[in-house]
Protein backbone atom coordinates (compact mmCIF):
# COMPACT_ATOMS: atom_id res chain seq x y z
CA MET A 1 0.00 0.00 0.00
CA SER A 2 1.44 3.38 -0.96
CA THR A 3 1.07 6.39 1.30
CA VAL A 4 1.51 10.12 0.90
CA THR A 5 2.07 12.66 3.67
CA TYR A 6 -0.02 15.75 3.01
CA ARG A 7 0.00 19.11 4.81
CA VAL A 8 -3.48 20.64 5.14
CA GLY A 9 -3.96 24.04 3.51
CA VAL A 10 -6.25 26.91 4.52
CA GLY A 11 -9.95 26.05 4.30
CA GLU A 12 -9.46 22.36 3.52
CA THR A 13 -11.71 19.60 4.78
CA CYS A 14 -11.59 15.81 4.66
CA ARG A 15 -14.02 16.07 1.73
CA SER A 16 -11.83 18.45 -0.27
CA ILE A 17 -8.75 16.34 0.40
CA ALA A 18 -10.61 13.17 -0.64
CA LYS A 19 -11.58 14.90 -3.90
CA LYS A 20 -7.92 15.81 -4.47
CA PHE A 21 -6.47 12.34 -3.82
CA TYR A 22 -9.33 9.95 -4.70
CA GLY A 23 -11.32 11.97 -7.22
CA ASP A 24 -14.44 11.71 -5.03
CA GLU A 25 -15.29 13.81 -1.99
CA GLY A 26 -17.55 10.97 -0.86
CA GLN A 27 -14.35 9.12 0.10
CA TRP A 28 -13.76 11.55 3.00
CA GLU A 29 -13.96 8.71 5.53
CA ARG A 30 -10.79 7.20 4.04
CA VAL A 31 -8.96 10.41 4.89
CA TYR A 32 -10.52 10.66 8.34
CA ASP A 33 -10.09 7.01 9.30
CA ALA A 34 -6.38 6.99 8.39
CA ASN A 35 -5.85 10.06 10.57
CA LYS A 36 -8.53 9.70 13.22
CA TRP A 37 -6.06 9.83 16.11
CA ARG A 38 -4.83 13.17 14.80
CA LEU A 39 -8.14 14.70 13.73
CA GLU A 40 -10.46 13.85 16.62
CA ASN A 41 -9.62 17.14 18.33
CA ASP A 42 -8.23 19.12 15.40
CA VAL A 43 -11.34 20.05 13.44
CA GLN A 44 -12.15 23.75 13.73
CA THR A 45 -15.21 24.44 15.85
CA SER A 46 -18.57 24.63 14.00
CA SER A 47 -17.09 23.66 10.63
CA ASP A 48 -15.49 20.71 8.91
CA LYS A 49 -12.35 22.74 8.21
CA LEU A 50 -9.09 21.24 9.35
CA PHE A 51 -6.32 23.28 10.94
CA PRO A 52 -3.81 24.43 8.31
CA GLY A 53 -0.43 22.76 8.65
CA THR A 54 -1.78 19.48 10.04
CA GLU A 55 0.09 16.58 8.43
CA LEU A 56 -2.12 13.76 7.21
CA THR A 57 -1.37 10.29 5.93
CA ILE A 58 -3.16 9.52 2.67
CA ARG A 59 -3.36 5.78 2.00
CA SER A 60 -3.44 4.39 -1.56
CA PRO A 61 -4.03 7.72 -3.32
CA ARG A 62 -5.21 7.70 -6.93
CA PHE A 63 -3.86 11.19 -7.56
CA SER A 64 -0.98 13.27 -6.22
CA GLY A 65 -1.54 16.60 -4.48
CA ASP A 66 -1.14 18.37 -7.80
CA ALA A 67 -3.89 16.24 -9.42
CA GLN A 68 -1.54 13.93 -11.30
CA PRO A 69 -2.32 10.19 -11.35
CA VAL A 70 -0.26 8.18 -8.88
CA ALA A 71 1.61 5.34 -10.56
């Protein structure tokens, strides 16, 4: 299984990151589940936005952070 370490940007959510790496924001649980220990207390209050700078592990990405297919 390949993994990518990704640093959260301003305004990003598990949904937006799932769209970036899996091509489907409905895959947000894959992002959350792989990082649950880190994200349980790191979601900004009253939104789904993650704190910028948080490093996440992305498991088996289909695309790179710049939207290129992962080989």
